[in-house]
């Protein structure tokens, strides 16, 4: 039987500036995004109807019901064809790294591959209606996202050695936005520099922000503990929260330094989710494969 396997990489907000709020309540953002070689894996097989099963170390508490974003993403492009979807969950739920959105975007890619068809016109708007992170999770490569997440500009960034850390505490995005002190902050510079190596990029990122980070630390103090632990690791050049949390990342000059830091932190914090990764372009890995 035909089986399509799709990788759903984690989305990391290297910087996230909240620049305003629309009349309909949606917040305006200006964000620099890269993707990690850490993520969920979906398998799709032909079936009479759409269905979802779950497995993996981070699947506890996640529902396979019709509200699951992977099922809703597949339904956007199913065109009457069913699929049995199996989701191996490796990313923490509600963790600020786009796990559900990545799953939905991967389900879209997988469903199109299963049907042997191209993306339909208007898919971008349908994805945006499903979730503001979905259009960028469809790209899986470094980008700048503006508006509510629909204005995307591909970027060329050097690979960034990183350590991703989550305290295994889910954070509800609406709660973070409610706690936000200011919703009209300066955007990223209009013209972004060109970076040839990780070191100058990390130096530049240190001058940028995640405007949700102070609010998230107030809502969930464990985020501050994660950031402090990252800052104390040898070689960590910058520690910051991704998205609305609670996942944070530390940036390093080399992959070896990030790997050594992961070993040290695992020994000290065995209950945390800890993943070394080189952030960058995951387009090739996220391409559906026929098994």
Protein backbone atom coordinates (compact mmCIF):
# COMPACT_ATOMS: atom_id res chain seq x y z
CA UNK A 1 0.00 0.00 0.00
CA UNK A 2 1.22 3.51 -0.81
CA UNK A 3 2.56 5.40 2.18
CA UNK A 4 3.60 9.06 2.17
CA UNK A 5 5.91 10.18 4.98
CA UNK A 6 6.28 13.87 5.82
CA UNK A 7 8.53 15.62 8.33
CA UNK A 8 7.06 18.59 10.23
CA UNK A 9 9.98 20.73 11.48
CA UNK A 10 9.83 23.02 14.51
CA UNK A 11 9.51 26.73 13.77
CA UNK A 12 11.77 29.01 15.80
CA UNK A 13 11.14 32.75 16.15
CA UNK A 14 14.66 34.16 16.35
CA UNK A 15 13.08 37.59 16.89
CA UNK A 16 9.41 38.48 17.32
CA UNK A 17 8.31 42.12 17.44
CA UNK A 18 4.65 42.92 18.14
CA UNK A 19 3.99 46.06 16.12
CA UNK A 20 0.25 46.67 16.45
CA UNK A 21 -3.24 45.22 16.66
CA UNK A 22 -5.97 45.21 14.03
CA UNK A 23 -9.59 46.15 14.70
CA UNK A 24 -10.52 42.44 14.51
CA UNK A 25 -8.15 41.63 17.38
CA UNK A 26 -5.35 40.02 15.37
CA UNK A 27 -1.89 41.21 16.36
CA UNK A 28 0.58 42.54 13.81
CA UNK A 29 4.03 40.99 13.95
CA UNK A 30 7.48 41.37 12.47
CA UNK A 31 9.40 38.15 13.00
CA UNK A 32 12.58 36.44 11.86
CA UNK A 33 12.02 32.68 11.58
CA UNK A 34 14.21 29.63 11.02
CA UNK A 35 13.40 25.91 11.18
CA UNK A 36 14.95 23.05 13.13
CA UNK A 37 15.82 19.48 12.11
CA UNK A 38 13.67 18.44 15.08
CA UNK A 39 10.00 17.77 14.54
CA UNK A 40 7.01 15.49 14.17
CA UNK A 41 6.57 12.80 11.51
CA UNK A 42 3.34 12.08 9.64
CA UNK A 43 2.51 9.00 7.57
CA UNK A 44 -0.48 9.03 5.22
CA UNK A 45 -2.08 6.01 3.54
CA UNK A 46 -5.13 5.87 1.23
CA UNK A 47 -8.38 5.21 3.08
CA UNK A 48 -12.12 5.68 2.68
CA UNK A 49 -12.20 8.62 5.10
CA UNK A 50 -9.85 10.94 6.92
CA UNK A 51 -8.68 9.59 10.27
CA UNK A 52 -5.83 10.22 12.69
CA UNK A 53 -3.86 8.06 15.11
CA UNK A 54 -1.23 9.33 17.52
CA UNK A 55 2.01 8.01 18.94
CA UNK A 56 5.34 9.37 20.07
CA UNK A 57 6.84 10.71 23.31
CA UNK A 58 4.86 13.99 23.23
CA UNK A 59 1.46 12.65 22.19
CA UNK A 60 -0.08 12.43 25.68
CA UNK A 61 -2.99 14.82 26.05
CA UNK A 62 -3.26 15.46 22.31
CA UNK A 63 -6.63 14.57 20.80
CA UNK A 64 -6.95 12.71 17.48
CA UNK A 65 -10.42 14.18 17.01
CA UNK A 66 -11.68 16.44 14.20
CA UNK A 67 -10.28 19.58 15.84
CA UNK A 68 -6.70 18.32 15.50
CA UNK A 69 -4.84 20.68 13.16
CA UNK A 70 -3.30 17.82 11.17
CA UNK A 71 -6.77 16.53 10.26
CA UNK A 72 -8.05 20.02 9.52
CA UNK A 73 -5.05 20.69 7.27
CA UNK A 74 -5.55 17.46 5.35
CA UNK A 75 -9.24 18.26 4.91
CA UNK A 76 -8.37 21.53 3.16
CA UNK A 77 -6.94 19.63 0.17
CA UNK A 78 -8.59 16.20 0.46
CA UNK A 79 -11.08 16.86 -2.37
CA UNK A 80 -13.16 13.91 -1.24
CA UNK A 81 -10.26 11.47 -0.86
CA UNK A 82 -9.69 9.80 2.49
CA UNK A 83 -6.43 9.10 4.26
CA UNK A 84 -5.33 7.25 7.36
CA UNK A 85 -2.89 9.65 9.00
CA UNK A 86 -0.45 8.55 11.69
CA UNK A 87 1.25 11.31 13.65
CA UNK A 88 4.41 10.57 15.63
CA UNK A 89 4.58 13.50 18.05
CA UNK A 90 8.08 14.59 19.08
CA UNK A 91 7.47 18.32 19.70
CA UNK A 92 5.90 19.45 22.99
CA UNK A 93 2.30 20.61 22.72
CA UNK A 94 1.50 24.35 23.09
CA UNK A 95 5.20 25.18 23.21
CA UNK A 96 5.73 28.19 20.93
CA UNK A 97 7.50 26.31 18.14
CA UNK A 98 4.56 25.82 15.80
CA UNK A 99 4.04 22.11 16.43
CA UNK A 100 0.34 22.01 15.53
CA UNK A 101 0.82 24.37 12.60
CA UNK A 102 3.79 22.34 11.37
CA UNK A 103 1.65 19.19 11.56
CA UNK A 104 -1.15 20.85 9.59
CA UNK A 105 1.24 22.12 6.91
CA UNK A 106 2.85 18.67 6.69
CA UNK A 107 -0.58 17.06 6.37
CA UNK A 108 -1.34 19.40 3.47
CA UNK A 109 1.92 18.46 1.73
CA UNK A 110 1.32 14.79 2.39
CA UNK A 111 -2.28 14.84 1.18
CA UNK A 112 -1.31 16.57 -2.05
CA UNK A 113 1.45 13.99 -2.60
CA UNK A 114 -0.97 11.15 -1.87
CA UNK A 115 -3.41 12.54 -4.44
CA UNK A 116 -0.64 13.39 -6.92
CA UNK A 117 -1.92 16.94 -7.35
CA UNK A 118 -0.57 20.48 -7.03
CA UNK A 119 -1.67 22.97 -4.41
CA UNK A 120 -5.00 24.60 -5.34
CA UNK A 121 -5.36 28.32 -5.88
CA UNK A 122 -6.20 30.16 -2.70
CA UNK A 123 -4.55 27.60 -0.42
CA UNK A 124 -2.49 30.31 1.27
CA UNK A 125 -5.61 32.12 2.49
CA UNK A 126 -7.16 28.85 3.65
CA UNK A 127 -4.03 28.06 5.66
CA UNK A 128 -4.00 31.53 7.20
CA UNK A 129 -7.63 31.09 8.27
CA UNK A 130 -6.63 27.85 9.99
CA UNK A 131 -3.73 29.49 11.86
CA UNK A 132 -1.36 32.44 11.44
CA UNK A 133 1.72 30.17 11.61
CA UNK A 134 0.59 27.84 8.82
CA UNK A 135 1.80 29.83 5.79
CA UNK A 136 5.33 30.06 7.21
CA UNK A 137 5.30 26.39 8.26
CA UNK A 138 4.47 25.59 4.65
CA UNK A 139 7.82 27.16 3.61
CA UNK A 140 10.18 25.44 6.10
CA UNK A 141 13.03 27.82 5.24
CA UNK A 142 14.35 31.05 6.84
CA UNK A 143 11.96 33.95 6.35
CA UNK A 144 10.69 37.25 7.63
CA UNK A 145 6.99 37.23 8.53
CA UNK A 146 4.94 40.41 8.79
CA UNK A 147 1.29 41.37 9.03
CA UNK A 148 -0.51 38.65 10.97
CA UNK A 149 1.80 36.09 9.40
CA UNK A 150 0.69 36.31 5.78
CA UNK A 151 3.43 38.60 4.41
CA UNK A 152 6.41 36.31 3.96
CA UNK A 153 9.86 37.20 2.67
CA UNK A 154 12.36 34.35 2.14
CA UNK A 155 15.79 35.04 3.59
CA UNK A 156 19.27 33.60 3.33
CA UNK A 157 20.66 32.96 6.82
CA UNK A 158 23.74 31.00 7.90
CA UNK A 159 23.01 27.80 9.84
CA UNK A 160 22.67 28.58 13.55
CA UNK A 161 23.82 26.02 16.15
CA UNK A 162 21.21 26.03 18.90
CA UNK A 163 19.81 24.27 21.92
CA UNK A 164 16.02 24.08 22.24
CA UNK A 165 14.61 23.70 25.75
CA UNK A 166 11.06 23.36 27.06
CA UNK A 167 10.16 22.87 30.76
CA UNK A 168 7.27 20.59 29.75
CA UNK A 169 4.69 23.18 30.71
CA UNK A 170 2.12 24.17 28.06
CA UNK A 171 1.50 27.88 27.60
CA UNK A 172 -1.76 29.21 26.13
CA UNK A 173 -1.03 31.89 23.53
CA UNK A 174 -4.18 33.97 24.29
CA UNK A 175 -3.08 34.30 27.92
CA UNK A 176 0.29 35.70 26.83
CA UNK A 177 -1.27 38.28 24.52
CA UNK A 178 -3.69 39.33 27.28
CA UNK A 179 -0.70 39.95 29.56
CA UNK A 180 1.16 41.97 26.92
CA UNK A 181 1.95 45.45 28.25
CA UNK A 182 2.48 47.16 24.88
CA UNK A 183 1.08 46.19 21.48
CA UNK A 184 2.74 48.91 19.38
CA UNK A 185 6.48 48.24 19.42
CA UNK A 186 9.16 49.11 16.85
CA UNK A 187 9.51 46.61 13.98
CA UNK A 188 12.70 44.97 12.79
CA UNK A 189 14.89 47.25 10.64
CA UNK A 190 13.32 47.66 7.20
CA UNK A 191 16.51 46.50 5.46
CA UNK A 192 18.03 43.47 7.14
CA UNK A 193 21.81 42.96 7.04
CA UNK A 194 23.35 40.10 5.07
CA UNK A 195 25.03 37.56 7.34
CA UNK A 196 27.76 35.22 6.13
CA UNK A 197 28.41 33.42 9.44
CA UNK A 198 26.61 32.63 12.70
CA UNK A 199 28.66 34.99 14.88
CA UNK A 200 27.56 38.33 13.35
CA UNK A 201 23.98 37.08 13.08
CA UNK A 202 23.91 36.23 16.79
CA UNK A 203 25.41 39.64 17.62
CA UNK A 204 22.67 41.33 15.56
CA UNK A 205 19.90 39.20 17.07
CA UNK A 206 21.02 40.26 20.54
CA UNK A 207 19.82 43.76 19.64
CA UNK A 208 16.35 42.49 18.67
CA UNK A 209 13.54 41.17 20.87
CA UNK A 210 10.73 38.78 21.51
CA UNK A 211 8.07 41.19 22.74
CA UNK A 212 6.04 38.31 24.18
CA UNK A 213 8.85 37.14 26.44
CA UNK A 214 8.25 39.44 29.46
CA UNK A 215 4.52 38.65 29.47
CA UNK A 216 5.19 34.92 29.12
CA UNK A 217 7.67 34.96 32.01
CA UNK A 218 5.03 36.67 34.17
CA UNK A 219 2.38 34.10 33.22
CA UNK A 220 4.72 31.09 33.52
CA UNK A 221 7.79 31.77 35.74
CA UNK A 222 9.41 28.49 34.63
CA UNK A 223 10.31 30.26 31.38
CA UNK A 224 12.63 32.56 33.30
CA UNK A 225 14.27 29.50 34.86
CA UNK A 226 14.87 28.03 31.40
CA UNK A 227 16.39 31.27 30.12
CA UNK A 228 18.65 31.53 33.18
CA UNK A 229 19.80 27.91 32.73
CA UNK A 230 20.61 28.53 29.07
CA UNK A 231 22.58 31.70 29.83
CA UNK A 232 24.75 29.81 32.31
CA UNK A 233 25.77 27.12 29.79
CA UNK A 234 29.33 27.38 28.42
CA UNK A 235 29.36 28.95 24.96
CA UNK A 236 25.77 30.24 24.99
CA UNK A 237 25.84 33.56 23.14
CA UNK A 238 22.13 34.41 23.32
CA UNK A 239 19.10 32.96 25.13
CA UNK A 240 15.58 33.86 24.04
CA UNK A 241 12.04 32.51 24.04
CA UNK A 242 10.42 31.33 20.80
CA UNK A 243 6.90 32.40 19.89
CA UNK A 244 4.64 32.66 22.93
CA UNK A 245 6.66 30.04 24.85
CA UNK A 246 7.43 28.05 26.79
CA UNK A 247 10.19 26.75 24.48
CA UNK A 248 13.39 28.79 24.63
CA UNK A 249 16.59 28.53 22.63
CA UNK A 250 20.26 29.21 23.19
CA UNK A 251 22.50 30.11 20.27
CA UNK A 252 26.11 28.94 20.00
CA UNK A 253 29.03 29.54 17.64
CA UNK A 254 29.48 25.83 16.87
CA UNK A 255 27.39 22.66 16.74
CA UNK A 256 29.86 20.97 19.10
CA UNK A 257 29.29 23.64 21.77
CA UNK A 258 25.52 23.21 21.47
CA UNK A 259 25.86 19.44 21.81
CA UNK A 260 28.06 19.72 24.90
CA UNK A 261 25.61 22.19 26.43
CA UNK A 262 22.77 19.72 25.82
CA UNK A 263 24.64 17.03 27.76
CA UNK A 264 25.23 19.35 30.71
CA UNK A 265 21.63 20.54 30.83
CA UNK A 266 20.19 17.02 30.55
CA UNK A 267 22.25 15.98 33.54
CA UNK A 268 20.91 18.92 35.56
CA UNK A 269 17.30 18.98 34.27
CA UNK A 270 16.24 15.48 33.34
CA UNK A 271 12.55 16.44 33.26
CA UNK A 272 12.93 19.10 30.58
CA UNK A 273 12.59 18.59 26.83
CA UNK A 274 16.07 19.34 25.44
CA UNK A 275 17.09 19.16 21.78
CA UNK A 276 20.31 20.39 20.13
CA UNK A 277 19.67 21.57 16.57
CA UNK A 278 21.17 23.56 13.72
CA UNK A 279 18.54 26.09 12.70
CA UNK A 280 18.11 26.95 9.04
CA UNK A 281 16.49 25.54 5.91
CA UNK A 282 14.53 22.27 6.29
CA UNK A 283 12.83 22.36 2.89
CA UNK A 284 14.46 19.20 1.58
CA UNK A 285 13.79 17.20 4.70
CA UNK A 286 10.16 18.38 4.82
CA UNK A 287 9.47 17.22 1.25
CA UNK A 288 7.01 14.27 1.22
CA UNK A 289 8.56 10.87 0.54
CA UNK A 290 6.87 7.79 -0.82
CA UNK A 291 7.61 4.71 1.28
